[in-house]
């Protein structure tokens, strides 16, 4: 049997800030964050390098998707939080 070759395409990390967020205020301060209040509950921050999307929720939780490694995903989430 031929050995399989695997490639990682999408690492997802999630976390919690431990505090609630005012999503409307975040959307006003960061106009580049996409915030469609009817379709999705929170703003989406997209980064080009690394190419990721971080979603913020009112309960203070976040999800970062699209990274190619765990460390890349964590670093991308921290970049969004530091913005």
PDB file of N, CA and C in Angstrom:
ATOM      1  N   UNK A   1       0.848  -1.173   0.000  1.00  0.00           N
ATOM      2  CA  UNK A   1       0.000   0.000   0.000  1.00  0.00           C
ATOM      3  C   UNK A   1       0.899   1.243   0.000  1.00  0.00           C
ATOM      4  N   UNK A   2       0.539   2.196  -0.818  1.00  0.00           N
ATOM      5  CA  UNK A   2       1.272   3.449  -0.921  1.00  0.00           C
ATOM      6  C   UNK A   2       1.001   4.326   0.301  1.00  0.00           C
ATOM      7  N   UNK A   3       2.036   4.977   0.855  1.00  0.00           N
ATOM      8  CA  UNK A   3       1.781   5.855   2.013  1.00  0.00           C
ATOM      9  C   UNK A   3       0.979   7.088   1.599  1.00  0.00           C
ATOM     10  N   UNK A   4       0.122   7.501   2.474  1.00  0.00           N
ATOM     11  CA  UNK A   4      -0.691   8.677   2.217  1.00  0.00           C
ATOM     12  C   UNK A   4       0.107   9.935   2.477  1.00  0.00           C
ATOM     13  N   UNK A   5      -0.177  10.975   1.735  1.00  0.00           N
ATOM     14  CA  UNK A   5       0.398  12.294   1.997  1.00  0.00           C
ATOM     15  C   UNK A   5      -0.737  13.203   2.437  1.00  0.00           C
ATOM     16  N   UNK A   6      -0.564  13.846   3.570  1.00  0.00           N
ATOM     17  CA  UNK A   6      -1.588  14.724   4.099  1.00  0.00           C
ATOM     18  C   UNK A   6      -1.088  16.150   4.086  1.00  0.00           C
ATOM     19  N   UNK A   7      -2.010  17.073   3.856  1.00  0.00           N
ATOM     20  CA  UNK A   7      -1.729  18.499   3.944  1.00  0.00           C
ATOM     21  C   UNK A   7      -2.795  19.136   4.807  1.00  0.00           C
ATOM     22  N   UNK A   8      -2.381  20.052   5.658  1.00  0.00           N
ATOM     23  CA  UNK A   8      -3.328  20.763   6.505  1.00  0.00           C
ATOM     24  C   UNK A   8      -3.791  21.997   5.741  1.00  0.00           C
ATOM     25  N   UNK A   9      -5.108  22.166   5.613  1.00  0.00           N
ATOM     26  CA  UNK A   9      -5.667  23.297   4.893  1.00  0.00           C
ATOM     27  C   UNK A   9      -6.392  24.279   5.798  1.00  0.00           C
ATOM     28  N   UNK A  10      -6.974  23.793   6.867  1.00  0.00           N
ATOM     29  CA  UNK A  10      -7.825  24.659   7.664  1.00  0.00           C
ATOM     30  C   UNK A  10      -7.775  24.259   9.135  1.00  0.00           C
ATOM     31  N   UNK A  11      -7.042  25.043   9.910  1.00  0.00           N
ATOM     32  CA  UNK A  11      -7.000  24.829  11.347  1.00  0.00           C
ATOM     33  C   UNK A  11      -7.958  25.821  11.985  1.00  0.00           C
ATOM     34  N   UNK A  12      -8.742  25.355  12.923  1.00  0.00           N
ATOM     35  CA  UNK A  12      -9.711  26.204  13.616  1.00  0.00           C
ATOM     36  C   UNK A  12      -9.337  26.242  15.091  1.00  0.00           C
ATOM     37  N   UNK A  13      -9.247  27.457  15.642  1.00  0.00           N
ATOM     38  CA  UNK A  13      -9.039  27.597  17.086  1.00  0.00           C
ATOM     39  C   UNK A  13     -10.179  28.434  17.640  1.00  0.00           C
ATOM     40  N   UNK A  14     -10.517  28.175  18.882  1.00  0.00           N
ATOM     41  CA  UNK A  14     -11.558  28.969  19.533  1.00  0.00           C
ATOM     42  C   UNK A  14     -11.060  29.350  20.911  1.00  0.00           C
ATOM     43  N   UNK A  15     -11.636  30.405  21.432  1.00  0.00           N
ATOM     44  CA  UNK A  15     -11.251  30.862  22.756  1.00  0.00           C
ATOM     45  C   UNK A  15     -12.326  31.748  23.338  1.00  0.00           C
ATOM     46  N   UNK A  16     -12.094  32.166  24.564  1.00  0.00           N
ATOM     47  CA  UNK A  16     -13.041  33.032  25.247  1.00  0.00           C
ATOM     48  C   UNK A  16     -12.281  34.149  25.940  1.00  0.00           C
ATOM     49  N   UNK A  17     -12.774  35.373  25.791  1.00  0.00           N
ATOM     50  CA  UNK A  17     -12.171  36.524  26.450  1.00  0.00           C
ATOM     51  C   UNK A  17     -12.634  36.637  27.894  1.00  0.00           C
ATOM     52  N   UNK A  18     -13.689  35.948  28.242  1.00  0.00           N
ATOM     53  CA  UNK A  18     -14.196  35.981  29.601  1.00  0.00           C
ATOM     54  C   UNK A  18     -15.054  37.192  29.920  1.00  0.00           C
ATOM     55  N   UNK A  19     -15.342  38.007  28.923  1.00  0.00           N
ATOM     56  CA  UNK A  19     -16.204  39.185  29.090  1.00  0.00           C
ATOM     57  C   UNK A  19     -17.111  39.290  27.872  1.00  0.00           C
ATOM     58  N   UNK A  20     -18.251  39.947  28.043  1.00  0.00           N
ATOM     59  CA  UNK A  20     -19.147  40.187  26.922  1.00  0.00           C
ATOM     60  C   UNK A  20     -18.615  41.303  26.034  1.00  0.00           C
ATOM     61  N   UNK A  21     -19.050  41.317  24.790  1.00  0.00           N
ATOM     62  CA  UNK A  21     -18.596  42.317  23.825  1.00  0.00           C
ATOM     63  C   UNK A  21     -19.775  43.108  23.268  1.00  0.00           C
ATOM     64  N   UNK A  22     -19.556  44.395  23.024  1.00  0.00           N
ATOM     65  CA  UNK A  22     -20.539  45.238  22.342  1.00  0.00           C
ATOM     66  C   UNK A  22     -20.196  45.196  20.857  1.00  0.00           C
ATOM     67  N   UNK A  23     -20.856  44.307  20.130  1.00  0.00           N
ATOM     68  CA  UNK A  23     -20.516  44.073  18.734  1.00  0.00           C
ATOM     69  C   UNK A  23     -20.793  45.275  17.848  1.00  0.00           C
ATOM     70  N   UNK A  24     -21.838  46.039  18.159  1.00  0.00           N
ATOM     71  CA  UNK A  24     -22.127  47.234  17.362  1.00  0.00           C
ATOM     72  C   UNK A  24     -21.018  48.265  17.528  1.00  0.00           C
ATOM     73  N   UNK A  25     -20.506  48.428  18.740  1.00  0.00           N
ATOM     74  CA  UNK A  25     -19.405  49.361  18.986  1.00  0.00           C
ATOM     75  C   UNK A  25     -18.148  48.903  18.260  1.00  0.00           C
ATOM     76  N   UNK A  26     -17.885  47.612  18.276  1.00  0.00           N
ATOM     77  CA  UNK A  26     -16.717  47.081  17.569  1.00  0.00           C
ATOM     78  C   UNK A  26     -16.840  47.353  16.076  1.00  0.00           C
ATOM     79  N   UNK A  27     -18.021  47.150  15.524  1.00  0.00           N
ATOM     80  CA  UNK A  27     -18.239  47.389  14.099  1.00  0.00           C
ATOM     81  C   UNK A  27     -18.057  48.869  13.753  1.00  0.00           C
ATOM     82  N   UNK A  28     -18.426  49.781  14.674  1.00  0.00           N
ATOM     83  CA  UNK A  28     -18.239  51.221  14.416  1.00  0.00           C
ATOM     84  C   UNK A  28     -16.764  51.600  14.459  1.00  0.00           C
ATOM     85  N   UNK A  29     -16.017  51.030  15.399  1.00  0.00           N
ATOM     86  CA  UNK A  29     -14.601  51.364  15.554  1.00  0.00           C
ATOM     87  C   UNK A  29     -13.763  50.728  14.443  1.00  0.00           C
ATOM     88  N   UNK A  30     -14.157  49.554  14.005  1.00  0.00           N
ATOM     89  CA  UNK A  30     -13.420  48.831  12.962  1.00  0.00           C
ATOM     90  C   UNK A  30     -14.312  48.655  11.737  1.00  0.00           C
ATOM     91  N   UNK A  31     -14.396  49.668  10.886  1.00  0.00           N
ATOM     92  CA  UNK A  31     -15.299  49.589   9.735  1.00  0.00           C
ATOM     93  C   UNK A  31     -14.930  48.487   8.743  1.00  0.00           C
ATOM     94  N   UNK A  32     -13.685  48.004   8.763  1.00  0.00           N
ATOM     95  CA  UNK A  32     -13.293  46.924   7.848  1.00  0.00           C
ATOM     96  C   UNK A  32     -13.797  45.565   8.300  1.00  0.00           C
ATOM     97  N   UNK A  33     -14.236  45.481   9.547  1.00  0.00           N
ATOM     98  CA  UNK A  33     -14.815  44.222  10.030  1.00  0.00           C
ATOM     99  C   UNK A  33     -16.217  44.099   9.447  1.00  0.00           C
ATOM    100  N   UNK A  34     -16.483  42.989   8.870  1.00  0.00           N
ATOM    101  CA  UNK A  34     -17.812  42.784   8.283  1.00  0.00           C
ATOM    102  C   UNK A  34     -18.780  42.408   9.384  1.00  0.00           C
ATOM    103  N   UNK A  35     -19.868  43.144   9.452  1.00  0.00           N
ATOM    104  CA  UNK A  35     -20.856  42.887  10.495  1.00  0.00           C
ATOM    105  C   UNK A  35     -22.248  43.000   9.885  1.00  0.00           C
ATOM    106  N   UNK A  36     -22.814  41.870   9.546  1.00  0.00           N
ATOM    107  CA  UNK A  36     -24.172  41.832   9.004  1.00  0.00           C
ATOM    108  C   UNK A  36     -25.079  41.384  10.136  1.00  0.00           C
ATOM    109  N   UNK A  37     -25.665  42.323  10.846  1.00  0.00           N
ATOM    110  CA  UNK A  37     -26.395  42.016  12.064  1.00  0.00           C
ATOM    111  C   UNK A  37     -27.546  41.030  11.860  1.00  0.00           C
ATOM    112  N   UNK A  38     -28.115  40.958  10.685  1.00  0.00           N
ATOM    113  CA  UNK A  38     -29.209  40.016  10.471  1.00  0.00           C
ATOM    114  C   UNK A  38     -28.730  38.620  10.120  1.00  0.00           C
ATOM    115  N   UNK A  39     -27.676  38.535   9.316  1.00  0.00           N
ATOM    116  CA  UNK A  39     -27.221  37.242   8.817  1.00  0.00           C
ATOM    117  C   UNK A  39     -26.314  36.513   9.804  1.00  0.00           C
ATOM    118  N   UNK A  40     -25.466  37.245  10.484  1.00  0.00           N
ATOM    119  CA  UNK A  40     -24.511  36.631  11.403  1.00  0.00           C
ATOM    120  C   UNK A  40     -24.426  37.501  12.638  1.00  0.00           C
ATOM    121  N   UNK A  41     -24.202  36.907  13.769  1.00  0.00           N
ATOM    122  CA  UNK A  41     -24.293  37.629  15.030  1.00  0.00           C
ATOM    123  C   UNK A  41     -23.085  38.487  15.380  1.00  0.00           C
ATOM    124  N   UNK A  42     -21.966  38.331  14.708  1.00  0.00           N
ATOM    125  CA  UNK A  42     -20.794  39.094  15.101  1.00  0.00           C
ATOM    126  C   UNK A  42     -19.956  39.542  13.923  1.00  0.00           C
ATOM    127  N   UNK A  43     -19.005  40.453  14.205  1.00  0.00           N
ATOM    128  CA  UNK A  43     -18.117  40.916  13.137  1.00  0.00           C
ATOM    129  C   UNK A  43     -17.112  39.837  12.749  1.00  0.00           C
ATOM    130  N   UNK A  44     -16.681  39.891  11.502  1.00  0.00           N
ATOM    131  CA  UNK A  44     -15.685  38.969  10.973  1.00  0.00           C
ATOM    132  C   UNK A  44     -14.465  39.792  10.576  1.00  0.00           C
ATOM    133  N   UNK A  45     -13.317  39.452  11.142  1.00  0.00           N
ATOM    134  CA  UNK A  45     -12.065  40.122  10.811  1.00  0.00           C
ATOM    135  C   UNK A  45     -11.264  39.206   9.899  1.00  0.00           C
ATOM    136  N   UNK A  46     -11.005  39.677   8.676  1.00  0.00           N
ATOM    137  CA  UNK A  46     -10.235  38.877   7.727  1.00  0.00           C
ATOM    138  C   UNK A  46      -8.830  39.437   7.625  1.00  0.00           C
ATOM    139  N   UNK A  47      -7.865  38.550   7.695  1.00  0.00           N
ATOM    140  CA  UNK A  47      -6.465  38.906   7.510  1.00  0.00           C
ATOM    141  C   UNK A  47      -5.980  38.296   6.202  1.00  0.00           C
ATOM    142  N   UNK A  48      -5.066  38.998   5.544  1.00  0.00           N
ATOM    143  CA  UNK A  48      -4.475  38.465   4.311  1.00  0.00           C
ATOM    144  C   UNK A  48      -3.299  37.532   4.607  1.00  0.00           C
ATOM    145  N   UNK A  49      -2.480  37.911   5.606  1.00  0.00           N
ATOM    146  CA  UNK A  49      -1.329  37.083   5.984  1.00  0.00           C
ATOM    147  C   UNK A  49      -1.320  36.920   7.485  1.00  0.00           C
ATOM    148  N   UNK A  50      -1.602  35.781   7.991  1.00  0.00           N
ATOM    149  CA  UNK A  50      -2.063  34.591   7.280  1.00  0.00           C
ATOM    150  C   UNK A  50      -3.522  34.768   6.864  1.00  0.00           C
ATOM    151  N   UNK A  51      -3.900  34.091   5.815  1.00  0.00           N
ATOM    152  CA  UNK A  51      -5.260  34.223   5.293  1.00  0.00           C
ATOM    153  C   UNK A  51      -6.226  33.509   6.232  1.00  0.00           C
ATOM    154  N   UNK A  52      -6.808  34.305   7.135  1.00  0.00           N
ATOM    155  CA  UNK A  52      -7.702  33.749   8.150  1.00  0.00           C
ATOM    156  C   UNK A  52      -8.921  34.645   8.321  1.00  0.00           C
ATOM    157  N   UNK A  53      -9.908  34.113   8.978  1.00  0.00           N
ATOM    158  CA  UNK A  53     -11.090  34.882   9.367  1.00  0.00           C
ATOM    159  C   UNK A  53     -11.342  34.607  10.845  1.00  0.00           C
ATOM    160  N   UNK A  54     -11.475  35.689  11.612  1.00  0.00           N
ATOM    161  CA  UNK A  54     -11.756  35.557  13.041  1.00  0.00           C
ATOM    162  C   UNK A  54     -13.135  36.134  13.309  1.00  0.00           C
ATOM    163  N   UNK A  55     -13.985  35.347  13.930  1.00  0.00           N
ATOM    164  CA  UNK A  55     -15.347  35.731  14.247  1.00  0.00           C
ATOM    165  C   UNK A  55     -15.440  36.038  15.730  1.00  0.00           C
ATOM    166  N   UNK A  56     -16.059  37.150  16.069  1.00  0.00           N
ATOM    167  CA  UNK A  56     -16.270  37.529  17.462  1.00  0.00           C
ATOM    168  C   UNK A  56     -17.744  37.393  17.805  1.00  0.00           C
ATOM    169  N   UNK A  57     -18.025  36.962  19.024  1.00  0.00           N
ATOM    170  CA  UNK A  57     -19.392  36.773  19.469  1.00  0.00           C
ATOM    171  C   UNK A  57     -19.670  37.636  20.692  1.00  0.00           C
ATOM    172  N   UNK A  58     -20.926  37.964  20.879  1.00  0.00           N
ATOM    173  CA  UNK A  58     -21.347  38.837  21.967  1.00  0.00           C
ATOM    174  C   UNK A  58     -20.954  38.297  23.347  1.00  0.00           C
ATOM    175  N   UNK A  59     -20.891  36.994  23.488  1.00  0.00           N
ATOM    176  CA  UNK A  59     -20.554  36.392  24.780  1.00  0.00           C
ATOM    177  C   UNK A  59     -19.048  36.402  25.051  1.00  0.00           C
ATOM    178  N   UNK A  60     -18.250  37.005  24.158  1.00  0.00           N
ATOM    179  CA  UNK A  60     -16.816  37.104  24.348  1.00  0.00           C
ATOM    180  C   UNK A  60     -16.018  35.966  23.750  1.00  0.00           C
ATOM    181  N   UNK A  61     -16.694  35.051  23.092  1.00  0.00           N
ATOM    182  CA  UNK A  61     -15.983  33.940  22.460  1.00  0.00           C
ATOM    183  C   UNK A  61     -15.540  34.349  21.063  1.00  0.00           C
ATOM    184  N   UNK A  62     -14.507  33.667  20.571  1.00  0.00           N
ATOM    185  CA  UNK A  62     -14.021  33.926  19.217  1.00  0.00           C
ATOM    186  C   UNK A  62     -13.630  32.622  18.564  1.00  0.00           C
ATOM    187  N   UNK A  63     -13.677  32.622  17.240  1.00  0.00           N
ATOM    188  CA  UNK A  63     -13.277  31.467  16.447  1.00  0.00           C
ATOM    189  C   UNK A  63     -12.432  31.991  15.300  1.00  0.00           C
ATOM    190  N   UNK A  64     -11.258  31.410  15.124  1.00  0.00           N
ATOM    191  CA  UNK A  64     -10.372  31.776  14.019  1.00  0.00           C
ATOM    192  C   UNK A  64     -10.246  30.571  13.098  1.00  0.00           C
ATOM    193  N   UNK A  65     -10.509  30.767  11.806  1.00  0.00           N
ATOM    194  CA  UNK A  65     -10.477  29.679  10.834  1.00  0.00           C
ATOM    195  C   UNK A  65      -9.548  30.025   9.677  1.00  0.00           C
ATOM    196  N   UNK A  66      -9.121  28.991   8.971  1.00  0.00           N
ATOM    197  CA  UNK A  66      -8.383  29.195   7.736  1.00  0.00           C
ATOM    198  C   UNK A  66      -6.880  29.067   7.842  1.00  0.00           C
ATOM    199  N   UNK A  67      -6.332  28.952   9.037  1.00  0.00           N
ATOM    200  CA  UNK A  67      -4.882  28.871   9.201  1.00  0.00           C
ATOM    201  C   UNK A  67      -4.369  27.499   8.765  1.00  0.00           C
ATOM    202  N   UNK A  68      -3.062  27.434   8.578  1.00  0.00           N
ATOM    203  CA  UNK A  68      -2.449  26.173   8.166  1.00  0.00           C
ATOM    204  C   UNK A  68      -1.723  25.472   9.305  1.00  0.00           C
ATOM    205  N   UNK A  69      -1.704  26.096  10.485  1.00  0.00           N
ATOM    206  CA  UNK A  69      -1.109  25.457  11.660  1.00  0.00           C
ATOM    207  C   UNK A  69      -1.754  26.045  12.906  1.00  0.00           C
ATOM    208  N   UNK A  70      -1.597  25.343  14.007  1.00  0.00           N
ATOM    209  CA  UNK A  70      -2.162  25.826  15.260  1.00  0.00           C
ATOM    210  C   UNK A  70      -1.540  27.162  15.655  1.00  0.00           C
ATOM    211  N   UNK A  71      -0.224  27.269  15.548  1.00  0.00           N
ATOM    212  CA  UNK A  71       0.432  28.523  15.940  1.00  0.00           C
ATOM    213  C   UNK A  71       0.028  29.675  15.029  1.00  0.00           C
ATOM    214  N   UNK A  72      -0.158  29.417  13.739  1.00  0.00           N
ATOM    215  CA  UNK A  72      -0.602  30.456  12.820  1.00  0.00           C
ATOM    216  C   UNK A  72      -2.000  30.944  13.191  1.00  0.00           C
ATOM    217  N   UNK A  73      -2.883  30.031  13.560  1.00  0.00           N
ATOM    218  CA  UNK A  73      -4.242  30.393  13.946  1.00  0.00           C
ATOM    219  C   UNK A  73      -4.253  31.200  15.236  1.00  0.00           C
ATOM    220  N   UNK A  74      -3.469  30.790  16.215  1.00  0.00           N
ATOM    221  CA  UNK A  74      -3.409  31.510  17.487  1.00  0.00           C
ATOM    222  C   UNK A  74      -2.832  32.906  17.276  1.00  0.00           C
ATOM    223  N   UNK A  75      -1.768  33.006  16.492  1.00  0.00           N
ATOM    224  CA  UNK A  75      -1.175  34.322  16.207  1.00  0.00           C
ATOM    225  C   UNK A  75      -2.149  35.233  15.479  1.00  0.00           C
ATOM    226  N   UNK A  76      -2.915  34.697  14.546  1.00  0.00           N
ATOM    227  CA  UNK A  76      -3.904  35.494  13.822  1.00  0.00           C
ATOM    228  C   UNK A  76      -4.984  36.000  14.776  1.00  0.00           C
ATOM    229  N   UNK A  77      -5.452  35.149  15.668  1.00  0.00           N
ATOM    230  CA  UNK A  77      -6.469  35.567  16.637  1.00  0.00           C
ATOM    231  C   UNK A  77      -5.929  36.671  17.534  1.00  0.00           C
ATOM    232  N   UNK A  78      -4.681  36.547  17.986  1.00  0.00           N
ATOM    233  CA  UNK A  78      -4.072  37.594  18.808  1.00  0.00           C
ATOM    234  C   UNK A  78      -3.932  38.909  18.033  1.00  0.00           C
ATOM    235  N   UNK A  79      -3.597  38.822  16.752  1.00  0.00           N
ATOM    236  CA  UNK A  79      -3.498  40.048  15.934  1.00  0.00           C
ATOM    237  C   UNK A  79      -4.835  40.786  15.883  1.00  0.00           C
ATOM    238  N   UNK A  80      -5.908  40.041  15.748  1.00  0.00           N
ATOM    239  CA  UNK A  80      -7.241  40.664  15.730  1.00  0.00           C
ATOM    240  C   UNK A  80      -7.541  41.293  17.072  1.00  0.00           C
ATOM    241  N   UNK A  81      -7.220  40.617  18.154  1.00  0.00           N
ATOM    242  CA  UNK A  81      -7.502  41.137  19.472  1.00  0.00           C
ATOM    243  C   UNK A  81      -6.661  42.375  19.807  1.00  0.00           C
ATOM    244  N   UNK A  82      -5.489  42.475  19.226  1.00  0.00           N
ATOM    245  CA  UNK A  82      -4.623  43.615  19.492  1.00  0.00           C
ATOM    246  C   UNK A  82      -4.952  44.814  18.623  1.00  0.00           C
ATOM    247  N   UNK A  83      -5.799  44.640  17.626  1.00  0.00           N
ATOM    248  CA  UNK A  83      -6.134  45.734  16.695  1.00  0.00           C
ATOM    249  C   UNK A  83      -6.886  46.847  17.380  1.00  0.00           C
TER     250      UNK A  83
END
